[in-house]
Protein backbone atom coordinates (compact mmCIF):
# COMPACT_ATOMS: atom_id res chain seq x y z
CA MET A 1 -33.79 6.40 -0.70
CA THR A 2 -33.55 4.20 -3.79
CA THR A 3 -35.84 4.51 -6.77
CA LEU A 4 -37.00 1.31 -8.44
CA TYR A 5 -38.53 1.03 -11.87
CA VAL A 6 -40.55 -2.09 -12.55
CA ARG A 7 -41.06 -3.09 -16.16
CA ASP A 8 -43.46 -5.46 -17.85
CA VAL A 9 -46.10 -5.40 -15.11
CA PRO A 10 -49.17 -7.14 -16.56
CA PRO A 11 -52.14 -4.76 -16.82
CA GLU A 12 -54.31 -6.90 -14.55
CA VAL A 13 -51.64 -6.83 -11.83
CA ALA A 14 -51.27 -3.06 -12.11
CA GLN A 15 -55.04 -2.63 -11.93
CA THR A 16 -55.33 -4.83 -8.85
CA LEU A 17 -52.55 -2.89 -7.11
CA LYS A 18 -54.21 0.43 -7.98
CA GLU A 19 -57.53 -0.79 -6.59
CA ARG A 20 -55.96 -2.04 -3.38
CA ALA A 21 -54.03 1.21 -2.93
CA ALA A 22 -57.23 3.23 -3.42
CA ALA A 23 -59.10 1.02 -0.95
CA GLU A 24 -56.46 1.84 1.68
CA GLY A 25 -56.42 5.53 0.79
CA LYS A 26 -52.83 5.35 -0.41
CA SER A 27 -51.05 6.26 -3.59
CA LEU A 28 -49.96 3.36 -5.76
CA SER A 29 -46.34 4.15 -4.92
CA ALA A 30 -46.96 4.19 -1.15
CA TYR A 31 -48.92 0.96 -1.34
CA VAL A 32 -46.24 -0.85 -3.36
CA VAL A 33 -43.47 0.39 -1.05
CA ALA A 34 -45.39 -0.98 1.95
CA GLU A 35 -45.93 -4.33 0.21
CA LEU A 36 -42.26 -4.57 -0.76
CA GLY A 37 -41.35 -3.86 2.86
CA ARG A 38 -43.56 -6.74 4.00
CA VAL A 39 -41.98 -9.09 1.46
CA ALA A 40 -38.45 -8.04 2.42
CA ALA A 41 -39.19 -8.55 6.13
CA ARG A 42 -40.19 -12.20 5.65
CA PRO A 43 -37.38 -14.69 6.16
CA THR A 44 -36.34 -16.86 3.23
CA ASN A 45 -36.82 -20.61 3.37
CA ALA A 46 -33.06 -20.99 3.86
CA GLU A 47 -33.15 -18.62 6.85
CA ILE A 48 -36.03 -20.56 8.40
CA VAL A 49 -34.20 -23.85 7.95
CA ALA A 50 -31.04 -22.37 9.50
CA ARG A 51 -33.03 -21.14 12.53
CA LEU A 52 -34.67 -24.52 12.97
CA ARG A 53 -31.33 -26.30 12.84
CA GLN A 54 -30.01 -24.05 15.62
CA ARG A 55 -32.82 -24.91 18.02
CA ASP A 56 -32.13 -27.17 20.96
CA ARG A 57 -34.41 -30.16 20.61
CA SER A 58 -32.88 -32.29 23.35
CA ASP A 59 -35.99 -32.05 25.53
CA GLY A 60 -38.45 -32.91 22.74
CA PRO A 61 -39.85 -36.28 21.71
CA SER A 62 -37.63 -38.77 19.90
CA GLY A 63 -38.38 -40.05 16.42
CA THR A 64 -39.52 -43.31 17.97
CA ASP A 65 -41.92 -41.46 20.29
CA ILE A 66 -43.44 -39.62 17.33
CA VAL A 67 -43.91 -42.77 15.27
CA GLU A 68 -45.49 -44.54 18.23
CA ALA A 69 -47.88 -41.63 18.87
CA LEU A 70 -48.92 -41.71 15.21
CA ARG A 71 -49.54 -45.42 15.36
CA GLU A 72 -51.62 -45.02 18.53
CA SER A 73 -53.69 -42.24 16.97
CA ARG A 74 -54.58 -44.44 13.99
CA ARG A 75 -55.91 -47.32 16.10
């Protein structure tokens, strides 16, 4: 397991993290590790774009269909 040291954490951020950890009955360290895990599990914008580009959209509406539907909805 890796140990991380975080420097220059603003006091108000540290206080908020301590309060949230206490509210969940966790140590500050356990709380921050869980939050870092959640952040690391989220895909980056680039990963999301790559996934979207790989999707098969051949059965979806065309650009013309979308524009027409928008025009109809505004009438």
